[in-house]
């Protein structure tokens, strides 16, 4: 990131949902040919701690939650506009869960 700003390099690849990596002085390029695989969130939980219904719900959510969604949620946490729980509830409500 600093090498880009210093002019040492002209293009860089950053794979992250960290909201601070989207500053106003950079251009995010679309990967319309899927040359770079999307990031995937991997839910972690103790074996046997979820019922079959809960596991099915986790799988549905992980299939719908996008990198852009995660970035937006992290922005709310980063800038203190909401709590992680409230943001998660907002996302779930807006996707009819």
PDB file of N, CA and C in Angstrom:
ATOM      1  N   UNK A   1       0.827  -1.186   0.000  1.00  0.00           N
ATOM      2  CA  UNK A   1       0.000   0.000   0.000  1.00  0.00           C
ATOM      3  C   UNK A   1       0.875   1.255   0.000  1.00  0.00           C
ATOM      4  N   UNK A   2       1.874   1.257   0.856  1.00  0.00           N
ATOM      5  CA  UNK A   2       2.752   2.429   0.922  1.00  0.00           C
ATOM      6  C   UNK A   2       3.582   2.567  -0.346  1.00  0.00           C
ATOM      7  N   UNK A   3       3.961   1.430  -0.967  1.00  0.00           N
ATOM      8  CA  UNK A   3       4.733   1.491  -2.216  1.00  0.00           C
ATOM      9  C   UNK A   3       3.902   2.122  -3.324  1.00  0.00           C
ATOM     10  N   UNK A   4       2.601   1.862  -3.340  1.00  0.00           N
ATOM     11  CA  UNK A   4       1.719   2.504  -4.312  1.00  0.00           C
ATOM     12  C   UNK A   4       1.701   4.013  -4.101  1.00  0.00           C
ATOM     13  N   UNK A   5       1.497   4.416  -2.863  1.00  0.00           N
ATOM     14  CA  UNK A   5       1.424   5.846  -2.560  1.00  0.00           C
ATOM     15  C   UNK A   5       2.743   6.564  -2.821  1.00  0.00           C
ATOM     16  N   UNK A   6       3.853   5.856  -2.620  1.00  0.00           N
ATOM     17  CA  UNK A   6       5.169   6.466  -2.829  1.00  0.00           C
ATOM     18  C   UNK A   6       5.555   6.489  -4.298  1.00  0.00           C
ATOM     19  N   UNK A   7       4.757   5.835  -5.154  1.00  0.00           N
ATOM     20  CA  UNK A   7       5.068   5.806  -6.573  1.00  0.00           C
ATOM     21  C   UNK A   7       6.122   4.786  -6.949  1.00  0.00           C
ATOM     22  N   UNK A   8       6.470   3.905  -6.022  1.00  0.00           N
ATOM     23  CA  UNK A   8       7.456   2.867  -6.299  1.00  0.00           C
ATOM     24  C   UNK A   8       6.896   1.789  -7.218  1.00  0.00           C
ATOM     25  N   UNK A   9       5.594   1.556  -7.134  1.00  0.00           N
ATOM     26  CA  UNK A   9       4.896   0.634  -8.028  1.00  0.00           C
ATOM     27  C   UNK A   9       3.622   1.316  -8.504  1.00  0.00           C
ATOM     28  N   UNK A  10       3.106   0.865  -9.658  1.00  0.00           N
ATOM     29  CA  UNK A  10       1.910   1.493 -10.216  1.00  0.00           C
ATOM     30  C   UNK A  10       0.632   0.723  -9.963  1.00  0.00           C
ATOM     31  N   UNK A  11       0.753  -0.572  -9.719  1.00  0.00           N
ATOM     32  CA  UNK A  11      -0.417  -1.423  -9.523  1.00  0.00           C
ATOM     33  C   UNK A  11      -0.080  -2.432  -8.436  1.00  0.00           C
ATOM     34  N   UNK A  12      -1.067  -2.751  -7.619  1.00  0.00           N
ATOM     35  CA  UNK A  12      -0.856  -3.753  -6.584  1.00  0.00           C
ATOM     36  C   UNK A  12      -2.107  -4.574  -6.372  1.00  0.00           C
ATOM     37  N   UNK A  13      -1.935  -5.764  -5.875  1.00  0.00           N
ATOM     38  CA  UNK A  13      -3.055  -6.649  -5.576  1.00  0.00           C
ATOM     39  C   UNK A  13      -3.186  -6.768  -4.070  1.00  0.00           C
ATOM     40  N   UNK A  14      -4.337  -6.356  -3.568  1.00  0.00           N
ATOM     41  CA  UNK A  14      -4.616  -6.460  -2.146  1.00  0.00           C
ATOM     42  C   UNK A  14      -5.909  -7.245  -2.018  1.00  0.00           C
ATOM     43  N   UNK A  15      -5.856  -8.353  -1.317  1.00  0.00           N
ATOM     44  CA  UNK A  15      -7.049  -9.162  -1.112  1.00  0.00           C
ATOM     45  C   UNK A  15      -7.441  -9.078   0.353  1.00  0.00           C
ATOM     46  N   UNK A  16      -8.422  -8.248   0.622  1.00  0.00           N
ATOM     47  CA  UNK A  16      -8.872  -8.071   1.992  1.00  0.00           C
ATOM     48  C   UNK A  16     -10.209  -7.365   1.999  1.00  0.00           C
ATOM     49  N   UNK A  17     -10.970  -7.569   3.047  1.00  0.00           N
ATOM     50  CA  UNK A  17     -12.207  -6.820   3.236  1.00  0.00           C
ATOM     51  C   UNK A  17     -11.994  -5.677   4.216  1.00  0.00           C
ATOM     52  N   UNK A  18     -10.744  -5.425   4.588  1.00  0.00           N
ATOM     53  CA  UNK A  18     -10.438  -4.352   5.516  1.00  0.00           C
ATOM     54  C   UNK A  18     -10.841  -3.022   4.897  1.00  0.00           C
ATOM     55  N   UNK A  19     -11.752  -2.281   5.532  1.00  0.00           N
ATOM     56  CA  UNK A  19     -12.245  -1.039   4.930  1.00  0.00           C
ATOM     57  C   UNK A  19     -11.185   0.042   4.761  1.00  0.00           C
ATOM     58  N   UNK A  20     -10.099  -0.017   5.511  1.00  0.00           N
ATOM     59  CA  UNK A  20      -9.074   1.011   5.367  1.00  0.00           C
ATOM     60  C   UNK A  20      -8.257   0.830   4.097  1.00  0.00           C
ATOM     61  N   UNK A  21      -8.456  -0.259   3.394  1.00  0.00           N
ATOM     62  CA  UNK A  21      -7.732  -0.496   2.145  1.00  0.00           C
ATOM     63  C   UNK A  21      -8.480   0.045   0.936  1.00  0.00           C
ATOM     64  N   UNK A  22      -9.514   0.825   1.124  1.00  0.00           N
ATOM     65  CA  UNK A  22     -10.285   1.429   0.038  1.00  0.00           C
ATOM     66  C   UNK A  22     -10.222   2.949   0.142  1.00  0.00           C
ATOM     67  N   UNK A  23      -9.026   3.514   0.182  1.00  0.00           N
ATOM     68  CA  UNK A  23      -8.939   4.965   0.326  1.00  0.00           C
ATOM     69  C   UNK A  23      -9.348   5.701  -0.944  1.00  0.00           C
ATOM     70  N   UNK A  24      -9.612   6.988  -0.780  1.00  0.00           N
ATOM     71  CA  UNK A  24     -10.073   7.807  -1.901  1.00  0.00           C
ATOM     72  C   UNK A  24      -9.041   7.942  -3.016  1.00  0.00           C
ATOM     73  N   UNK A  25      -7.768   7.740  -2.707  1.00  0.00           N
ATOM     74  CA  UNK A  25      -6.744   7.932  -3.719  1.00  0.00           C
ATOM     75  C   UNK A  25      -6.410   6.660  -4.500  1.00  0.00           C
ATOM     76  N   UNK A  26      -7.252   5.634  -4.401  1.00  0.00           N
ATOM     77  CA  UNK A  26      -7.024   4.379  -5.124  1.00  0.00           C
ATOM     78  C   UNK A  26      -8.260   4.016  -5.930  1.00  0.00           C
ATOM     79  N   UNK A  27      -8.047   3.220  -6.951  1.00  0.00           N
ATOM     80  CA  UNK A  27      -9.135   2.758  -7.809  1.00  0.00           C
ATOM     81  C   UNK A  27      -9.245   1.250  -7.659  1.00  0.00           C
ATOM     82  N   UNK A  28     -10.430   0.769  -7.306  1.00  0.00           N
ATOM     83  CA  UNK A  28     -10.682  -0.662  -7.199  1.00  0.00           C
ATOM     84  C   UNK A  28     -11.103  -1.152  -8.575  1.00  0.00           C
ATOM     85  N   UNK A  29     -10.402  -2.141  -9.094  1.00  0.00           N
ATOM     86  CA  UNK A  29     -10.709  -2.684 -10.420  1.00  0.00           C
ATOM     87  C   UNK A  29     -11.605  -3.901 -10.296  1.00  0.00           C
ATOM     88  N   UNK A  30     -12.576  -4.011 -11.198  1.00  0.00           N
ATOM     89  CA  UNK A  30     -13.441  -5.188 -11.232  1.00  0.00           C
ATOM     90  C   UNK A  30     -12.685  -6.361 -11.823  1.00  0.00           C
ATOM     91  N   UNK A  31     -12.969  -7.542 -11.315  1.00  0.00           N
ATOM     92  CA  UNK A  31     -12.382  -8.778 -11.836  1.00  0.00           C
ATOM     93  C   UNK A  31     -13.477  -9.512 -12.599  1.00  0.00           C
ATOM     94  N   UNK A  32     -13.880  -8.943 -13.753  1.00  0.00           N
ATOM     95  CA  UNK A  32     -15.027  -9.473 -14.483  1.00  0.00           C
ATOM     96  C   UNK A  32     -14.772 -10.832 -15.128  1.00  0.00           C
ATOM     97  N   UNK A  33     -13.534 -11.299 -15.139  1.00  0.00           N
ATOM     98  CA  UNK A  33     -13.232 -12.624 -15.683  1.00  0.00           C
ATOM     99  C   UNK A  33     -12.877 -13.618 -14.580  1.00  0.00           C
ATOM    100  N   UNK A  34     -13.106 -13.228 -13.334  1.00  0.00           N
ATOM    101  CA  UNK A  34     -12.815 -14.086 -12.181  1.00  0.00           C
ATOM    102  C   UNK A  34     -11.398 -14.635 -12.192  1.00  0.00           C
ATOM    103  N   UNK A  35     -10.450 -13.776 -12.528  1.00  0.00           N
ATOM    104  CA  UNK A  35      -9.049 -14.189 -12.539  1.00  0.00           C
ATOM    105  C   UNK A  35      -8.529 -14.393 -11.122  1.00  0.00           C
ATOM    106  N   UNK A  36      -9.105 -13.653 -10.186  1.00  0.00           N
ATOM    107  CA  UNK A  36      -8.714 -13.775  -8.784  1.00  0.00           C
ATOM    108  C   UNK A  36      -9.920 -14.315  -8.032  1.00  0.00           C
ATOM    109  N   UNK A  37      -9.741 -15.431  -7.382  1.00  0.00           N
ATOM    110  CA  UNK A  37     -10.857 -16.066  -6.682  1.00  0.00           C
ATOM    111  C   UNK A  37     -11.358 -15.194  -5.541  1.00  0.00           C
ATOM    112  N   UNK A  38     -12.661 -15.215  -5.339  1.00  0.00           N
ATOM    113  CA  UNK A  38     -13.292 -14.437  -4.274  1.00  0.00           C
ATOM    114  C   UNK A  38     -12.865 -14.971  -2.911  1.00  0.00           C
ATOM    115  N   UNK A  39     -12.904 -14.085  -1.952  1.00  0.00           N
ATOM    116  CA  UNK A  39     -12.633 -14.511  -0.589  1.00  0.00           C
ATOM    117  C   UNK A  39     -13.860 -15.220  -0.051  1.00  0.00           C
ATOM    118  N   UNK A  40     -13.630 -16.164   0.816  1.00  0.00           N
ATOM    119  CA  UNK A  40     -14.734 -16.896   1.408  1.00  0.00           C
ATOM    120  C   UNK A  40     -14.615 -16.851   2.921  1.00  0.00           C
ATOM    121  N   UNK A  41     -15.723 -16.540   3.563  1.00  0.00           N
ATOM    122  CA  UNK A  41     -15.757 -16.629   5.013  1.00  0.00           C
ATOM    123  C   UNK A  41     -16.005 -18.077   5.391  1.00  0.00           C
ATOM    124  N   UNK A  42     -15.298 -18.534   6.380  1.00  0.00           N
ATOM    125  CA  UNK A  42     -15.461 -19.908   6.836  1.00  0.00           C
ATOM    126  C   UNK A  42     -15.951 -19.870   8.267  1.00  0.00           C
ATOM    127  N   UNK A  43     -17.212 -20.255   8.471  1.00  0.00           N
ATOM    128  CA  UNK A  43     -17.719 -20.273   9.848  1.00  0.00           C
ATOM    129  C   UNK A  43     -17.021 -21.382  10.645  1.00  0.00           C
ATOM    130  N   UNK A  44     -16.641 -21.060  11.867  1.00  0.00           N
ATOM    131  CA  UNK A  44     -15.956 -22.021  12.721  1.00  0.00           C
ATOM    132  C   UNK A  44     -16.801 -22.223  13.975  1.00  0.00           C
ATOM    133  N   UNK A  45     -17.074 -23.474  14.268  1.00  0.00           N
ATOM    134  CA  UNK A  45     -17.863 -23.802  15.448  1.00  0.00           C
ATOM    135  C   UNK A  45     -17.495 -25.202  15.897  1.00  0.00           C
ATOM    136  N   UNK A  46     -17.791 -25.502  17.147  1.00  0.00           N
ATOM    137  CA  UNK A  46     -17.471 -26.818  17.704  1.00  0.00           C
ATOM    138  C   UNK A  46     -18.394 -27.883  17.105  1.00  0.00           C
ATOM    139  N   UNK A  47     -17.806 -29.002  16.727  1.00  0.00           N
ATOM    140  CA  UNK A  47     -18.573 -30.114  16.157  1.00  0.00           C
ATOM    141  C   UNK A  47     -19.689 -30.518  17.125  1.00  0.00           C
ATOM    142  N   UNK A  48     -20.882 -30.644  16.588  1.00  0.00           N
ATOM    143  CA  UNK A  48     -22.022 -31.059  17.384  1.00  0.00           C
ATOM    144  C   UNK A  48     -22.699 -29.923  18.134  1.00  0.00           C
ATOM    145  N   UNK A  49     -22.179 -28.699  18.009  1.00  0.00           N
ATOM    146  CA  UNK A  49     -22.771 -27.592  18.754  1.00  0.00           C
ATOM    147  C   UNK A  49     -23.967 -26.977  18.050  1.00  0.00           C
ATOM    148  N   UNK A  50     -24.156 -27.301  16.768  1.00  0.00           N
ATOM    149  CA  UNK A  50     -25.293 -26.779  16.008  1.00  0.00           C
ATOM    150  C   UNK A  50     -26.232 -27.908  15.620  1.00  0.00           C
ATOM    151  N   UNK A  51     -27.525 -27.602  15.646  1.00  0.00           N
ATOM    152  CA  UNK A  51     -28.509 -28.570  15.168  1.00  0.00           C
ATOM    153  C   UNK A  51     -28.439 -28.617  13.642  1.00  0.00           C
ATOM    154  N   UNK A  52     -29.095 -29.562  13.049  1.00  0.00           N
ATOM    155  CA  UNK A  52     -29.127 -29.659  11.581  1.00  0.00           C
ATOM    156  C   UNK A  52     -29.736 -28.401  10.963  1.00  0.00           C
ATOM    157  N   UNK A  53     -30.793 -27.870  11.585  1.00  0.00           N
ATOM    158  CA  UNK A  53     -31.424 -26.643  11.085  1.00  0.00           C
ATOM    159  C   UNK A  53     -30.471 -25.455  11.178  1.00  0.00           C
ATOM    160  N   UNK A  54     -29.764 -25.361  12.305  1.00  0.00           N
ATOM    161  CA  UNK A  54     -28.806 -24.269  12.460  1.00  0.00           C
ATOM    162  C   UNK A  54     -27.665 -24.386  11.448  1.00  0.00           C
ATOM    163  N   UNK A  55     -27.180 -25.577  11.230  1.00  0.00           N
ATOM    164  CA  UNK A  55     -26.112 -25.798  10.258  1.00  0.00           C
ATOM    165  C   UNK A  55     -26.572 -25.438   8.849  1.00  0.00           C
ATOM    166  N   UNK A  56     -27.811 -25.791   8.506  1.00  0.00           N
ATOM    167  CA  UNK A  56     -28.356 -25.432   7.192  1.00  0.00           C
ATOM    168  C   UNK A  56     -28.444 -23.911   7.051  1.00  0.00           C
ATOM    169  N   UNK A  57     -28.817 -23.218   8.121  1.00  0.00           N
ATOM    170  CA  UNK A  57     -28.897 -21.760   8.091  1.00  0.00           C
ATOM    171  C   UNK A  57     -27.510 -21.140   7.908  1.00  0.00           C
ATOM    172  N   UNK A  58     -26.523 -21.635   8.623  1.00  0.00           N
ATOM    173  CA  UNK A  58     -25.149 -21.139   8.472  1.00  0.00           C
ATOM    174  C   UNK A  58     -24.685 -21.321   7.027  1.00  0.00           C
ATOM    175  N   UNK A  59     -24.977 -22.460   6.441  1.00  0.00           N
ATOM    176  CA  UNK A  59     -24.585 -22.720   5.049  1.00  0.00           C
ATOM    177  C   UNK A  59     -25.287 -21.772   4.082  1.00  0.00           C
ATOM    178  N   UNK A  60     -26.570 -21.489   4.318  1.00  0.00           N
ATOM    179  CA  UNK A  60     -27.296 -20.543   3.452  1.00  0.00           C
ATOM    180  C   UNK A  60     -26.703 -19.145   3.554  1.00  0.00           C
ATOM    181  N   UNK A  61     -26.446 -18.712   4.769  1.00  0.00           N
ATOM    182  CA  UNK A  61     -25.895 -17.375   4.980  1.00  0.00           C
ATOM    183  C   UNK A  61     -24.511 -17.261   4.342  1.00  0.00           C
ATOM    184  N   UNK A  62     -23.658 -18.254   4.547  1.00  0.00           N
ATOM    185  CA  UNK A  62     -22.305 -18.173   3.995  1.00  0.00           C
ATOM    186  C   UNK A  62     -22.325 -18.186   2.475  1.00  0.00           C
ATOM    187  N   UNK A  63     -23.377 -18.725   1.875  1.00  0.00           N
ATOM    188  CA  UNK A  63     -23.507 -18.704   0.429  1.00  0.00           C
ATOM    189  C   UNK A  63     -23.994 -17.368  -0.115  1.00  0.00           C
ATOM    190  N   UNK A  64     -24.602 -16.543   0.734  1.00  0.00           N
ATOM    191  CA  UNK A  64     -25.146 -15.254   0.309  1.00  0.00           C
ATOM    192  C   UNK A  64     -24.287 -14.056   0.701  1.00  0.00           C
ATOM    193  N   UNK A  65     -23.540 -14.177   1.770  1.00  0.00           N
ATOM    194  CA  UNK A  65     -22.737 -13.074   2.273  1.00  0.00           C
ATOM    195  C   UNK A  65     -21.565 -12.819   1.328  1.00  0.00           C
ATOM    196  N   UNK A  66     -21.503 -11.625   0.781  1.00  0.00           N
ATOM    197  CA  UNK A  66     -20.456 -11.300  -0.192  1.00  0.00           C
ATOM    198  C   UNK A  66     -19.310 -10.528   0.465  1.00  0.00           C
ATOM    199  N   UNK A  67     -18.207 -10.439  -0.245  1.00  0.00           N
ATOM    200  CA  UNK A  67     -17.075  -9.658   0.227  1.00  0.00           C
ATOM    201  C   UNK A  67     -17.485  -8.202   0.422  1.00  0.00           C
ATOM    202  N   UNK A  68     -18.295  -7.662  -0.490  1.00  0.00           N
ATOM    203  CA  UNK A  68     -18.778  -6.281  -0.341  1.00  0.00           C
ATOM    204  C   UNK A  68     -19.643  -6.124   0.904  1.00  0.00           C
ATOM    205  N   UNK A  69     -20.474  -7.125   1.199  1.00  0.00           N
ATOM    206  CA  UNK A  69     -21.285  -7.089   2.424  1.00  0.00           C
ATOM    207  C   UNK A  69     -20.382  -7.013   3.645  1.00  0.00           C
ATOM    208  N   UNK A  70     -19.362  -7.850   3.673  1.00  0.00           N
ATOM    209  CA  UNK A  70     -18.453  -7.887   4.818  1.00  0.00           C
ATOM    210  C   UNK A  70     -17.743  -6.544   4.957  1.00  0.00           C
ATOM    211  N   UNK A  71     -17.313  -5.972   3.840  1.00  0.00           N
ATOM    212  CA  UNK A  71     -16.640  -4.675   3.875  1.00  0.00           C
ATOM    213  C   UNK A  71     -17.554  -3.611   4.471  1.00  0.00           C
ATOM    214  N   UNK A  72     -18.808  -3.589   4.049  1.00  0.00           N
ATOM    215  CA  UNK A  72     -19.760  -2.611   4.583  1.00  0.00           C
ATOM    216  C   UNK A  72     -19.979  -2.814   6.082  1.00  0.00           C
ATOM    217  N   UNK A  73     -20.081  -4.060   6.505  1.00  0.00           N
ATOM    218  CA  UNK A  73     -20.259  -4.345   7.926  1.00  0.00           C
ATOM    219  C   UNK A  73     -19.033  -3.893   8.718  1.00  0.00           C
ATOM    220  N   UNK A  74     -17.847  -4.152   8.180  1.00  0.00           N
ATOM    221  CA  UNK A  74     -16.625  -3.751   8.870  1.00  0.00           C
ATOM    222  C   UNK A  74     -16.477  -2.241   8.958  1.00  0.00           C
ATOM    223  N   UNK A  75     -16.983  -1.524   7.951  1.00  0.00           N
ATOM    224  CA  UNK A  75     -16.933  -0.066   8.009  1.00  0.00           C
ATOM    225  C   UNK A  75     -17.710   0.456   9.212  1.00  0.00           C
ATOM    226  N   UNK A  76     -18.859  -0.154   9.478  1.00  0.00           N
ATOM    227  CA  UNK A  76     -19.657   0.253  10.630  1.00  0.00           C
ATOM    228  C   UNK A  76     -18.930   0.023  11.934  1.00  0.00           C
ATOM    229  N   UNK A  77     -18.187  -1.068  12.022  1.00  0.00           N
ATOM    230  CA  UNK A  77     -17.416  -1.360  13.228  1.00  0.00           C
ATOM    231  C   UNK A  77     -16.202  -0.439  13.298  1.00  0.00           C
ATOM    232  N   UNK A  78     -15.486  -0.290  12.185  1.00  0.00           N
ATOM    233  CA  UNK A  78     -14.264   0.528  12.136  1.00  0.00           C
ATOM    234  C   UNK A  78     -14.522   1.968  12.564  1.00  0.00           C
ATOM    235  N   UNK A  79     -15.626   2.537  12.093  1.00  0.00           N
ATOM    236  CA  UNK A  79     -15.914   3.934  12.380  1.00  0.00           C
ATOM    237  C   UNK A  79     -16.860   4.112  13.569  1.00  0.00           C
ATOM    238  N   UNK A  80     -17.148   3.019  14.257  1.00  0.00           N
ATOM    239  CA  UNK A  80     -17.913   3.099  15.492  1.00  0.00           C
ATOM    240  C   UNK A  80     -19.362   3.494  15.335  1.00  0.00           C
ATOM    241  N   UNK A  81     -19.935   3.292  14.141  1.00  0.00           N
ATOM    242  CA  UNK A  81     -21.328   3.678  13.944  1.00  0.00           C
ATOM    243  C   UNK A  81     -22.303   2.627  14.443  1.00  0.00           C
ATOM    244  N   UNK A  82     -21.796   1.442  14.759  1.00  0.00           N
ATOM    245  CA  UNK A  82     -22.674   0.393  15.240  1.00  0.00           C
ATOM    246  C   UNK A  82     -21.850  -0.705  15.897  1.00  0.00           C
ATOM    247  N   UNK A  83     -22.543  -1.624  16.540  1.00  0.00           N
ATOM    248  CA  UNK A  83     -21.868  -2.776  17.146  1.00  0.00           C
ATOM    249  C   UNK A  83     -21.886  -3.939  16.159  1.00  0.00           C
ATOM    250  N   UNK A  84     -20.968  -4.884  16.300  1.00  0.00           N
ATOM    251  CA  UNK A  84     -20.989  -6.051  15.412  1.00  0.00           C
ATOM    252  C   UNK A  84     -22.324  -6.792  15.441  1.00  0.00           C
ATOM    253  N   UNK A  85     -22.911  -6.924  16.630  1.00  0.00           N
ATOM    254  CA  UNK A  85     -24.192  -7.630  16.743  1.00  0.00           C
ATOM    255  C   UNK A  85     -25.301  -6.881  16.005  1.00  0.00           C
ATOM    256  N   UNK A  86     -25.362  -5.566  16.176  1.00  0.00           N
ATOM    257  CA  UNK A  86     -26.393  -4.773  15.497  1.00  0.00           C
ATOM    258  C   UNK A  86     -26.209  -4.826  13.978  1.00  0.00           C
ATOM    259  N   UNK A  87     -24.967  -4.785  13.518  1.00  0.00           N
ATOM    260  CA  UNK A  87     -24.710  -4.870  12.076  1.00  0.00           C
ATOM    261  C   UNK A  87     -25.104  -6.234  11.521  1.00  0.00           C
ATOM    262  N   UNK A  88     -24.775  -7.275  12.257  1.00  0.00           N
ATOM    263  CA  UNK A  88     -25.159  -8.624  11.825  1.00  0.00           C
ATOM    264  C   UNK A  88     -26.682  -8.750  11.775  1.00  0.00           C
ATOM    265  N   UNK A  89     -27.355  -8.234  12.796  1.00  0.00           N
ATOM    266  CA  UNK A  89     -28.819  -8.256  12.804  1.00  0.00           C
ATOM    267  C   UNK A  89     -29.387  -7.487  11.617  1.00  0.00           C
ATOM    268  N   UNK A  90     -28.792  -6.332  11.305  1.00  0.00           N
ATOM    269  CA  UNK A  90     -29.235  -5.541  10.156  1.00  0.00           C
ATOM    270  C   UNK A  90     -29.088  -6.346   8.870  1.00  0.00           C
ATOM    271  N   UNK A  91     -27.936  -6.990   8.696  1.00  0.00           N
ATOM    272  CA  UNK A  91     -27.717  -7.781   7.468  1.00  0.00           C
ATOM    273  C   UNK A  91     -28.722  -8.925   7.394  1.00  0.00           C
ATOM    274  N   UNK A  92     -28.912  -9.621   8.502  1.00  0.00           N
ATOM    275  CA  UNK A  92     -29.852 -10.740   8.516  1.00  0.00           C
ATOM    276  C   UNK A  92     -31.270 -10.269   8.203  1.00  0.00           C
ATOM    277  N   UNK A  93     -31.697  -9.157   8.799  1.00  0.00           N
ATOM    278  CA  UNK A  93     -33.031  -8.619   8.549  1.00  0.00           C
ATOM    279  C   UNK A  93     -33.198  -8.198   7.089  1.00  0.00           C
ATOM    280  N   UNK A  94     -32.166  -7.574   6.544  1.00  0.00           N
ATOM    281  CA  UNK A  94     -32.267  -7.091   5.163  1.00  0.00           C
ATOM    282  C   UNK A  94     -32.230  -8.223   4.142  1.00  0.00           C
ATOM    283  N   UNK A  95     -31.849  -9.414   4.581  1.00  0.00           N
ATOM    284  CA  UNK A  95     -31.852 -10.589   3.697  1.00  0.00           C
ATOM    285  C   UNK A  95     -32.920 -11.602   4.113  1.00  0.00           C
ATOM    286  N   UNK A  96     -33.913 -11.107   4.843  1.00  0.00           N
ATOM    287  CA  UNK A  96     -35.088 -11.907   5.230  1.00  0.00           C
ATOM    288  C   UNK A  96     -34.758 -13.144   6.058  1.00  0.00           C
ATOM    289  N   UNK A  97     -33.836 -12.992   7.006  1.00  0.00           N
ATOM    290  CA  UNK A  97     -33.544 -14.109   7.924  1.00  0.00           C
ATOM    291  C   UNK A  97     -34.189 -13.854   9.252  1.00  0.00           C
TER     292      UNK A  97
END
